[in-house]
Every structure is written in C-alpha cells, then in structure tokens.
Protein backbone atom coordinates (compact mmCIF):
# COMPACT_ATOMS: atom_id res chain seq x y z
CA UNK A 1 0.00 0.00 0.00
CA UNK A 2 1.40 3.43 -0.95
CA UNK A 3 2.30 5.70 1.97
CA UNK A 4 -0.47 8.24 1.25
CA UNK A 5 -3.10 5.52 0.93
CA UNK A 6 -1.82 3.87 4.11
CA UNK A 7 -1.97 7.18 5.95
CA UNK A 8 -5.54 7.74 4.79
CA UNK A 9 -6.47 4.24 5.96
CA UNK A 10 -4.92 4.93 9.39
CA UNK A 11 -6.89 8.17 9.66
CA UNK A 12 -10.10 6.38 8.72
CA UNK A 13 -9.50 3.68 11.32
CA UNK A 14 -8.72 6.30 13.93
CA UNK A 15 -11.90 8.27 13.26
CA UNK A 16 -13.96 5.06 13.43
CA UNK A 17 -12.92 4.42 17.05
CA UNK A 18 -15.97 4.83 19.25
CA UNK A 19 -16.28 6.11 22.80
CA UNK A 20 -16.05 3.68 25.72
CA UNK A 21 -17.70 4.13 29.11
CA UNK A 22 -15.51 4.04 32.23
CA UNK A 23 -16.70 2.36 35.41
CA UNK A 24 -15.50 0.64 38.56
CA UNK A 25 -16.89 -2.55 40.03
CA UNK A 26 -16.24 -3.50 43.64
CA UNK A 27 -16.66 -7.20 44.41
CA UNK A 28 -17.02 -8.05 48.09
CA UNK A 29 -18.20 -11.61 48.64
CA UNK A 30 -21.51 -12.09 46.87
CA UNK A 31 -22.10 -8.37 46.67
CA UNK A 32 -21.17 -6.13 43.76
CA UNK A 33 -21.22 -2.35 43.55
CA UNK A 34 -21.00 -0.71 40.12
CA UNK A 35 -20.11 2.98 39.89
CA UNK A 36 -19.30 5.22 36.93
CA UNK A 37 -15.74 6.47 36.68
CA UNK A 38 -14.96 9.93 38.08
CA UNK A 39 -16.94 12.51 36.12
CA UNK A 40 -18.73 9.87 34.03
CA UNK A 41 -22.51 9.36 33.71
CA UNK A 42 -24.20 6.16 34.97
CA UNK A 43 -23.30 3.02 33.04
CA UNK A 44 -25.66 1.96 30.26
CA UNK A 45 -25.52 -0.44 27.30
CA UNK A 46 -22.46 -0.54 25.04
CA UNK A 47 -18.74 -0.96 25.64
CA UNK A 48 -17.47 -0.39 29.17
CA UNK A 49 -13.90 -0.22 30.48
CA UNK A 50 -14.13 -1.55 34.03
CA UNK A 51 -11.75 -1.34 36.95
CA UNK A 52 -12.39 -4.38 39.13
CA UNK A 53 -11.81 -4.01 42.87
CA UNK A 54 -11.76 -6.53 45.69
CA UNK A 55 -12.52 -5.05 49.10
CA UNK A 56 -11.90 -1.63 47.60
CA UNK A 57 -8.48 -2.40 46.12
CA UNK A 58 -7.80 -2.57 42.34
CA UNK A 59 -7.16 -6.11 41.06
CA UNK A 60 -7.68 -5.88 37.30
CA UNK A 61 -9.46 -4.31 34.34
CA UNK A 62 -11.72 -5.71 31.68
CA UNK A 63 -13.46 -4.44 28.57
CA UNK A 64 -17.06 -5.60 28.53
CA UNK A 65 -20.11 -5.06 26.37
CA UNK A 66 -23.52 -4.58 27.95
CA UNK A 67 -26.37 -5.60 25.60
CA UNK A 68 -29.24 -3.15 25.22
CA UNK A 69 -31.85 -3.77 27.90
CA UNK A 70 -29.50 -5.81 30.10
CA UNK A 71 -28.53 -4.98 33.68
CA UNK A 72 -24.99 -3.53 33.49
CA UNK A 73 -24.06 -4.64 37.01
CA UNK A 74 -25.15 -8.23 36.43
CA UNK A 75 -23.35 -8.49 33.09
CA UNK A 76 -20.09 -6.93 34.26
CA UNK A 77 -20.05 -8.64 37.66
CA UNK A 78 -20.45 -12.01 35.96
CA UNK A 79 -17.45 -11.29 33.73
CA UNK A 80 -15.38 -10.00 36.61
CA UNK A 81 -16.01 -12.98 38.87
CA UNK A 82 -15.11 -15.37 36.06
CA UNK A 83 -11.92 -13.59 35.06
CA UNK A 84 -10.57 -11.86 38.19
CA UNK A 85 -9.94 -14.34 40.98
CA UNK A 86 -10.08 -13.70 44.72
CA UNK A 87 -7.34 -11.65 46.33
CA UNK A 88 -5.83 -11.55 49.81
CA UNK A 89 -4.47 -8.27 51.12
CA UNK A 90 -2.48 -7.32 54.16
CA UNK A 91 -3.19 -4.09 55.97
CA UNK A 92 -0.82 -1.26 54.98
CA UNK A 93 1.54 0.13 57.59
CA UNK A 94 0.90 3.53 59.16
CA UNK A 95 2.09 5.98 56.49
CA UNK A 96 4.62 8.69 57.36
CA UNK A 97 3.97 12.43 57.25
CA UNK A 98 3.76 13.22 53.54
CA UNK A 99 3.91 16.28 51.31
CA UNK A 100 2.06 16.26 47.98
CA UNK A 101 3.50 18.45 45.21
CA UNK A 102 1.35 19.46 42.22
CA UNK A 103 3.06 21.49 39.50
CA UNK A 104 0.69 23.44 37.28
CA UNK A 105 0.58 26.15 34.64
CA UNK A 106 -2.54 28.10 33.65
CA UNK A 107 -5.01 25.24 34.21
CA UNK A 108 -6.98 26.42 37.22
CA UNK A 109 -10.11 24.44 36.34
CA UNK A 110 -8.28 21.14 36.13
CA UNK A 111 -6.21 22.00 39.19
CA UNK A 112 -9.32 22.58 41.30
CA UNK A 113 -10.67 19.15 40.39
CA UNK A 114 -7.35 17.54 41.36
CA UNK A 115 -7.09 19.45 44.62
CA UNK A 116 -10.62 18.50 45.65
CA UNK A 117 -9.67 14.82 45.30
CA UNK A 118 -6.38 15.32 47.16
CA UNK A 119 -8.06 17.04 50.08
CA UNK A 120 -10.40 14.02 50.38
CA UNK A 121 -7.53 11.59 51.05
CA UNK A 122 -7.76 9.24 54.05
CA UNK A 123 -4.04 9.67 54.83
CA UNK A 124 -3.68 10.68 58.51
CA UNK A 125 -1.17 13.54 58.07
CA UNK A 126 -0.21 15.34 54.88
CA UNK A 127 0.24 18.74 53.28
CA UNK A 128 -0.30 19.96 49.72
CA UNK A 129 2.06 22.30 47.88
CA UNK A 130 1.06 23.78 44.51
CA UNK A 131 3.93 25.02 42.33
CA UNK A 132 2.82 27.62 39.80
CA UNK A 133 5.29 27.17 36.94
CA UNK A 134 6.12 30.28 34.87
CA UNK A 135 2.62 31.73 35.25
CA UNK A 136 1.30 34.25 32.74
CA UNK A 137 -1.72 35.23 34.85
CA UNK A 138 -2.64 35.27 38.54
CA UNK A 139 -5.40 32.73 38.01
CA UNK A 140 -3.74 29.89 39.94
CA UNK A 141 -2.70 32.05 42.88
CA UNK A 142 -6.18 33.54 43.10
CA UNK A 143 -7.77 30.07 43.01
CA UNK A 144 -5.63 28.90 45.94
CA UNK A 145 -6.28 32.05 47.96
CA UNK A 146 -10.02 32.09 47.23
CA UNK A 147 -10.96 28.42 47.55
CA UNK A 148 -8.25 26.58 49.47
CA UNK A 149 -6.85 29.19 51.88
CA UNK A 150 -4.99 27.43 54.72
CA UNK A 151 -5.32 23.95 53.24
CA UNK A 152 -2.91 24.36 50.30
CA UNK A 153 0.42 26.17 50.11
CA UNK A 154 1.23 28.19 46.99
CA UNK A 155 4.79 28.44 45.59
CA UNK A 156 5.86 30.17 42.38
CA UNK A 157 8.66 28.94 40.08
CA UNK A 158 9.37 31.50 37.31
CA UNK A 159 11.58 29.28 35.10
CA UNK A 160 9.48 26.99 32.83
CA UNK A 161 10.03 23.25 33.13
CA UNK A 162 8.35 20.45 35.06
CA UNK A 163 11.54 19.16 36.70
CA UNK A 164 12.47 22.63 37.90
CA UNK A 165 8.97 23.10 39.30
CA UNK A 166 9.22 19.78 41.10
CA UNK A 167 12.58 20.80 42.56
CA UNK A 168 11.03 24.02 43.84
CA UNK A 169 8.33 21.94 45.49
CA UNK A 170 10.97 19.58 46.91
CA UNK A 171 12.74 22.56 48.52
CA UNK A 172 9.48 23.72 50.12
CA UNK A 173 8.11 20.48 51.56
CA UNK A 174 8.19 19.40 55.20
CA UNK A 175 7.17 15.75 54.89
CA UNK A 176 9.33 12.67 55.41
CA UNK A 177 7.96 11.48 52.07
CA UNK A 178 7.18 13.68 49.06
CA UNK A 179 4.55 12.55 46.55
CA UNK A 180 4.09 14.04 43.08
CA UNK A 181 1.02 14.06 40.89
CA UNK A 182 -0.35 16.16 38.03
CA UNK A 183 -3.11 18.73 37.77
CA UNK A 184 -5.09 16.54 35.33
CA UNK A 185 -5.78 13.63 37.71
CA UNK A 186 -8.46 12.63 40.18
CA UNK A 187 -6.89 10.76 43.11
CA UNK A 188 -8.62 7.74 44.62
CA UNK A 189 -9.37 8.43 48.33
CA UNK A 190 -6.80 5.81 49.42
CA UNK A 191 -4.17 6.87 46.89
CA UNK A 192 -1.80 8.65 49.24
CA UNK A 193 -2.01 6.06 52.02
CA UNK A 194 -1.33 3.19 49.63
CA UNK A 195 1.50 5.05 47.88
CA UNK A 196 3.36 6.07 51.04
CA UNK A 197 2.72 3.23 53.52
CA UNK A 198 5.49 1.09 51.94
CA UNK A 199 8.07 3.61 53.18
CA UNK A 200 7.15 2.76 56.77
CA UNK A 201 7.56 -0.97 56.08
CA UNK A 202 10.92 -0.82 54.24
CA UNK A 203 13.78 1.38 55.44
CA UNK A 204 15.65 0.88 52.14
CA UNK A 205 12.78 2.11 50.02
CA UNK A 206 13.63 5.28 48.13
CA UNK A 207 10.71 5.53 45.71
CA UNK A 208 7.20 4.22 45.13
CA UNK A 209 4.89 4.40 42.13
CA UNK A 210 1.25 3.55 41.56
CA UNK A 211 -1.52 2.79 39.09
CA UNK A 212 -2.79 5.28 36.51
CA UNK A 213 -6.12 4.62 34.76
CA UNK A 214 -8.20 6.72 32.32
CA UNK A 215 -10.82 9.02 33.80
CA UNK A 216 -12.60 9.20 30.44
CA UNK A 217 -12.50 7.36 27.12
CA UNK A 218 -14.68 9.66 25.05
CA UNK A 219 -12.45 10.47 22.06
CA UNK A 220 -10.61 8.24 19.56
CA UNK A 221 -7.25 9.50 20.89
CA UNK A 222 -8.08 8.50 24.47
CA UNK A 223 -9.36 5.06 23.46
CA UNK A 224 -6.38 4.37 21.18
CA UNK A 225 -3.86 5.26 23.88
CA UNK A 226 -5.56 3.10 26.50
CA UNK A 227 -5.98 0.24 24.04
CA UNK A 228 -2.19 0.01 24.00
CA UNK A 229 -1.69 0.10 27.74
CA UNK A 230 -1.99 3.78 28.57
CA UNK A 231 0.05 4.61 31.66
CA UNK A 232 -0.78 1.48 33.65
CA UNK A 233 1.92 -0.95 34.81
CA UNK A 234 -0.27 -3.89 35.73
CA UNK A 235 -1.90 -5.17 38.89
CA UNK A 236 0.93 -7.06 40.56
CA UNK A 237 2.85 -5.27 43.34
CA UNK A 238 6.60 -5.42 42.76
CA UNK A 239 9.79 -4.26 44.44
CA UNK A 240 12.85 -3.41 42.33
CA UNK A 241 16.09 -3.86 44.26
CA UNK A 242 19.46 -2.85 42.75
CA UNK A 243 21.16 -5.31 45.11
CA UNK A 244 19.23 -8.11 43.40
CA UNK A 245 18.51 -7.03 39.79
CA UNK A 246 15.37 -8.62 38.32
CA UNK A 247 16.13 -11.48 35.94
CA UNK A 248 13.31 -10.51 33.58
CA UNK A 249 14.63 -6.93 33.22
CA UNK A 250 17.97 -7.26 31.40
CA UNK A 251 18.16 -3.48 30.86
CA UNK A 252 17.63 -2.70 34.56
CA UNK A 253 17.69 0.05 35.75
CA UNK A 254 17.66 1.90 32.41
CA UNK A 255 14.15 0.80 31.38
CA UNK A 256 12.76 3.25 33.91
CA UNK A 257 9.47 3.55 32.05
CA UNK A 258 8.58 0.10 33.42
CA UNK A 259 8.61 1.43 36.98
CA UNK A 260 5.85 4.03 36.77
CA UNK A 261 5.07 7.58 35.70
CA UNK A 262 5.40 11.07 37.10
CA UNK A 263 1.67 11.52 37.69
CA UNK A 264 1.85 8.92 40.48
CA UNK A 265 5.17 8.73 42.30
CA UNK A 266 6.63 9.36 45.75
CA UNK A 267 10.16 9.54 47.17
CA UNK A 268 11.72 9.52 50.59
CA UNK A 269 12.40 13.24 50.82
CA UNK A 270 15.95 12.93 52.16
CA UNK A 271 16.86 10.43 49.43
CA UNK A 272 15.56 12.60 46.58
CA UNK A 273 17.36 15.62 48.01
CA UNK A 274 20.58 13.63 48.38
CA UNK A 275 20.68 12.89 44.63
CA UNK A 276 20.01 16.54 43.78
CA UNK A 277 16.34 16.17 42.94
CA UNK A 278 15.33 16.10 39.28
CA UNK A 279 17.51 17.38 36.46
CA UNK A 280 15.94 20.75 35.57
CA UNK A 281 16.99 20.31 31.92
CA UNK A 282 14.45 17.46 31.60
CA UNK A 283 10.67 17.42 31.64
CA UNK A 284 7.74 19.08 29.92
CA UNK A 285 8.29 22.77 29.32
CA UNK A 286 11.95 22.31 28.35
CA UNK A 287 13.60 21.47 25.03
CA UNK A 288 14.07 17.91 26.34
CA UNK A 289 10.27 17.43 26.28
CA UNK A 290 10.15 14.87 29.12
CA UNK A 291 12.07 12.24 31.06
CA UNK A 292 12.24 14.00 34.43
CA UNK A 293 10.39 11.22 36.29
CA UNK A 294 12.51 8.49 34.68
CA UNK A 295 15.66 10.37 35.66
CA UNK A 296 14.49 10.43 39.27
CA UNK A 297 13.78 6.69 39.31
CA UNK A 298 17.20 5.74 37.94
CA UNK A 299 19.13 8.15 40.16
CA UNK A 300 17.49 6.73 43.29
CA UNK A 301 18.03 3.13 42.20
CA UNK A 302 21.65 3.89 41.25
CA UNK A 303 22.28 4.97 44.86
CA UNK A 304 21.19 1.55 46.11
CA UNK A 305 17.62 2.34 47.17
CA UNK A 306 14.65 0.15 46.35
CA UNK A 307 11.62 1.13 44.24
CA UNK A 308 8.14 -0.24 44.93
CA UNK A 309 5.28 -0.39 42.44
CA UNK A 310 1.83 -0.81 43.98
CA UNK A 311 -1.38 -1.00 41.93
CA UNK A 312 -3.41 -0.12 45.03
CA UNK A 313 -2.31 3.53 44.80
CA UNK A 314 -4.67 4.73 42.06
CA UNK A 315 -5.12 8.00 40.23
CA UNK A 316 -7.54 8.57 37.35
CA UNK A 317 -5.86 10.51 34.55
CA UNK A 318 -7.58 12.77 32.03
CA UNK A 319 -5.84 11.74 28.81
CA UNK A 320 -5.27 14.21 26.00
CA UNK A 321 -8.17 14.30 23.58
CA UNK A 322 -7.04 14.82 19.97
CA UNK A 323 -4.90 13.27 17.25
CA UNK A 324 -2.57 16.26 17.47
CA UNK A 325 -2.18 15.55 21.18
CA UNK A 326 -1.17 11.97 20.39
CA UNK A 327 1.43 13.19 17.88
CA UNK A 328 2.88 15.58 20.44
CA UNK A 329 2.83 12.86 23.09
CA UNK A 330 4.54 10.26 20.88
CA UNK A 331 7.35 12.62 19.91
CA UNK A 332 7.70 13.83 23.50
CA UNK A 333 7.91 10.30 24.90
CA UNK A 334 10.65 9.40 22.45
CA UNK A 335 12.57 12.59 23.19
CA UNK A 336 12.12 12.24 26.94
CA UNK A 337 13.40 8.66 26.88
CA UNK A 338 16.78 9.47 25.35
CA UNK A 339 16.98 12.86 27.10
CA UNK A 340 16.74 11.25 30.52
CA UNK A 341 19.39 8.66 29.57
CA UNK A 342 21.68 11.51 28.49
CA UNK A 343 20.96 13.32 31.75
CA UNK A 344 21.76 10.24 33.83
CA UNK A 345 25.11 9.73 32.08
CA UNK A 346 26.02 13.42 32.25
CA UNK A 347 25.24 13.65 35.96
CA UNK A 348 26.51 10.22 36.95
CA UNK A 349 29.18 9.14 34.44
CA UNK A 350 30.08 6.14 36.61
CA UNK A 351 26.99 4.47 35.13
CA UNK A 352 28.43 4.61 31.61
CA UNK A 353 30.05 1.11 31.63
CA UNK A 354 26.78 -0.48 32.79
CA UNK A 355 24.88 1.48 30.16
CA UNK A 356 27.24 0.45 27.35
CA UNK A 357 27.02 -3.19 28.41
CA UNK A 358 23.26 -3.02 28.00
CA UNK A 359 23.28 -0.92 24.81
CA UNK A 360 22.78 -3.76 22.25
CA UNK A 361 19.71 -5.02 24.08
CA UNK A 362 18.63 -1.43 24.61
CA UNK A 363 18.58 -0.79 20.87
CA UNK A 364 16.48 -3.91 20.33
CA UNK A 365 14.13 -2.71 23.08
CA UNK A 366 13.85 0.70 21.38
CA UNK A 367 12.92 -0.93 18.08
CA UNK A 368 10.24 -2.99 19.80
CA UNK A 369 9.00 0.04 21.71
CA UNK A 370 8.41 2.05 18.55
CA UNK A 371 7.18 -0.79 16.34
CA UNK A 372 3.74 -0.70 14.76
CA UNK A 373 1.82 -2.79 17.28
CA UNK A 374 -0.75 -5.23 15.98
CA UNK A 375 -4.21 -5.72 17.42
CA UNK A 376 -5.13 -8.61 19.69
CA UNK A 377 -6.92 -10.21 16.73
CA UNK A 378 -3.48 -11.31 15.60
CA UNK A 379 -2.12 -12.31 18.99
CA UNK A 380 -5.04 -13.52 21.07
CA UNK A 381 -7.00 -11.78 23.78
CA UNK A 382 -5.20 -10.12 26.67
CA UNK A 383 -5.69 -11.47 30.18
CA UNK A 384 -7.55 -9.42 32.77
CA UNK A 385 -5.15 -7.02 34.38
CA UNK A 386 -2.77 -6.99 31.42
CA UNK A 387 -4.30 -3.63 30.56
CA UNK A 388 -3.02 -3.86 27.01
CA UNK A 389 -5.87 -5.25 24.94
CA UNK A 390 -4.68 -3.64 21.69
CA UNK A 391 -8.16 -3.52 20.29
CA UNK A 392 -7.04 -0.94 17.72
CA UNK A 393 -3.87 -0.92 15.56
CA UNK A 394 -1.14 1.53 16.51
CA UNK A 395 -0.62 4.06 13.67
CA UNK A 396 2.71 4.03 11.86
CA UNK A 397 2.91 7.80 12.03
CA UNK A 398 2.98 7.70 15.83
CA UNK A 399 5.74 5.08 15.75
CA UNK A 400 7.77 7.23 13.36
CA UNK A 401 7.30 10.30 15.55
CA UNK A 402 8.46 8.40 18.62
CA UNK A 403 11.62 7.27 16.80
CA UNK A 404 12.29 10.84 15.64
CA UNK A 405 11.85 12.01 19.19
CA UNK A 406 14.38 9.45 20.40
CA UNK A 407 16.94 10.78 17.92
CA UNK A 408 16.24 14.34 19.04
CA UNK A 409 16.25 13.67 22.80
CA UNK A 410 19.99 14.13 23.53
CA UNK A 411 20.05 17.32 21.44
CA UNK A 412 16.99 18.63 23.26
CA UNK A 413 18.60 17.89 26.63
CA UNK A 414 21.77 19.79 25.71
CA UNK A 415 19.66 22.71 24.42
CA UNK A 416 17.78 22.77 27.72
CA UNK A 417 21.04 22.81 29.69
CA UNK A 418 22.31 25.74 27.66
CA UNK A 419 19.03 27.60 28.18
CA UNK A 420 19.26 27.10 31.94
CA UNK A 421 22.86 28.35 32.04
CA UNK A 422 21.89 31.40 29.99
CA UNK A 423 18.94 32.09 32.31
CA UNK A 424 21.21 31.80 35.35
CA UNK A 425 23.73 34.25 33.84
CA UNK A 426 20.99 36.77 33.09
CA UNK A 427 19.65 36.45 36.63
CA UNK A 428 23.13 37.01 38.06
CA UNK A 429 23.67 40.04 35.81
CA UNK A 430 20.36 41.58 36.89
CA UNK A 431 21.27 41.02 40.52
CA UNK A 432 24.61 42.82 40.05
CA UNK A 433 22.98 45.94 38.59
C-alpha cells in the first residue's frame, strides 16, 4: 500500500474508534457495587472499560459489552467474577507524614478538580504544595487564595520546566515522604495512604509508584492510547532492588518507564534531596520534552535504594483528547526517553560502563517500543489485568514520531542545559545591577 493511501487508511480507522464508558466494580463476597468512573454518567448499554476491585483495592481491568436492555451490574459482575480471581491483602503500615507536590501552569479548572480529590484523602497527616510554573496570569494564585486558603500552600517557580517546578516543590516540603502528581488527575481516596505506607515498612525504600487509569474514554485518541496500555503498569505489586537485579529486566535500571510515571510517584524526601532532585533540563516545558520522572527513578536506584510499584495507589488521569495531542505525546515520549538517559550519564558518568554493556539489548528494546503494534486479533485476547488489549492498531505515524523524538532527545537535553545556564547568567547580571 502506498504511503499516502496507508496514511488515509490509518486516519479512517482512527476516526472510526468509538467512545467507551468508564466504570469501577467493587466485588465483596456475593455483593457487587457498580459505579461510573470519576466525572462519568451512569453506566448503560455498550462498551465499558471496568476497573475491578476486591474489598476496595484494584485487582484488574476488563473491557465488557452490555447488551441493550440488560442490567450492566449483572453483566459486568459475571465477567469480573469469572476472570478476576479472589485476592488476599495485608493491611498497609501507618504511612509517614507526607507532602504532595502538584506542579501546574494556567489550568486552574483542572487543578481545582485535582485538589478537591487530594483534600479528600484518608491519609492521617499530609500537606499539599502547589507550584505555579512560569505563570502568565494570577489565576492559579487567586484560586488557591479564594478556595483553598490554609489547606494548600502556593509556591511560584518562574523558570518553565516540570523538573524545575518539582525541585522548587521539593525545597518547600516538610514531609518525610514527598509525593508528586499532576493537575489533570483525580486521586482515589486511598491513593496517598497506599502510595506512602510502603516507606514505613521498608527502610531501604527510596521511591514508590502507583496505578494510573483513564478518567474518560470519550475520544478516539483517548481510546487508542488506552488500548495500548496507557500509563498502567499492571496489577501485581513489585519491588525493584538494585542489590538483586530482576532477571526478567535485562536493561535494569535503564528501562525506567517500566517502573511508573510522574503523575503517580513518591520519594523519601531525604533520598531525593541527596541525589540533587530532578535534572531541571528534563521534563515538559523544556527542550528535552520529558524524562524527568525516569531520571528520578534511575538516580534513586543507582544509589542503592529500592523502588516499589503498587497498583493499590490509584489516580484517574484525564488523557489528551485529539490526534494532534497523540502526535505531540509520541514525539515527546521518544525525546524524553533518550533525554533522561543523556541526563543520567552526564550527571553520573560512573553508570556509563553499565549502560554500554546493555546498549545492544537497549537498541532492540527501542525498536520494539516504537514498532507498529498489531491488534489482539493477531495475537489472542489479553488477560484481565494486562491492561493492554490492543483492540485498535497503533498508527505508523505515531511510531515514526516516537523514533524521531528518540533521535532528538539528547540534542533537546543539551539545548535545555544551555538555556538554563543562559537564564542563570541573566539572573546574576540583573542582581549585580
């Protein structure tokens, strides 16, 4: 098929993707409670993406279809009981005093929704710090002062860049643990407790990450992204220990994207400060386009600390909505991947031999990462909890953009470093006047 005809076919397939309802189903013994996802209407007939819980905790997802006239709860509960087995949970330890940092820029409406969910957390002792990154207006400050008063602290970071904003938040926090999330999420009420309790149970733990699921699947872009896994990392808790590298992760610790994402992560505050926080030349808002969270994961692991992934710490993420958003995201992910690797090697050159030893496998991993992914029709249905049903083919254009981003990433990182040095010189010159 000629490239133009293939592109037109990809566009047609993309536009044919229909909306999917989002819901959560809590199974407790013989009882079942079905609720719409955050901000969603009640569940009706049609396709439904379902988070399955046992005793309130996430255990898997499924994609079900409710026939017209059928009872959605009965249909989906039957599927869930057949496909998601029983689960046994231990009680989490008492979580330490925690600070939550939310970096934002000119999105007061989304921020308010996120803050409302954060203030509803069942964590016994926490604070919230909002970092207003390179604001153009006073909208964010006014929102905090008007609606949240004493409950949320406001900090301003004038230099654009997510990593720099997170570092400003890190400097301001008081908690033993610092958690980071984004302004486009809705946090589950137990999110912060589940994310931070592991620090009380493991003195060697330096970082924890959690589960990210879609708040809405109303546009083709949102459905396509989630069809290929979205931001989720599965439903099995796992601890990554540099003293005992995982046998199924030959690129460890450089495949940091396996560990989690920046919208749902926490660090022991002293540990993150000891490694210098995040590299401010990485992240959204810089020429590097991303990679700040991955940099943080690797730096903490490289110092000998453990990382814990727990699916019980859940945030609902509002995915971007358009094809253009997907293009930007694909390029940014590719750029952020190689930018963070460049940042790690620049800031900790002792890791270079280990990186070079893993480079051949890393290149093969990069090819697989950016390959055109087939649908499950070719490979069989995904198991519940795999969260990677691939019900729609991944467009070649997005794969190409991700590869281009990977080539650009090191250049973008070096550009961002130069921009930061230039900004620092200008600040020093203004101070001397």
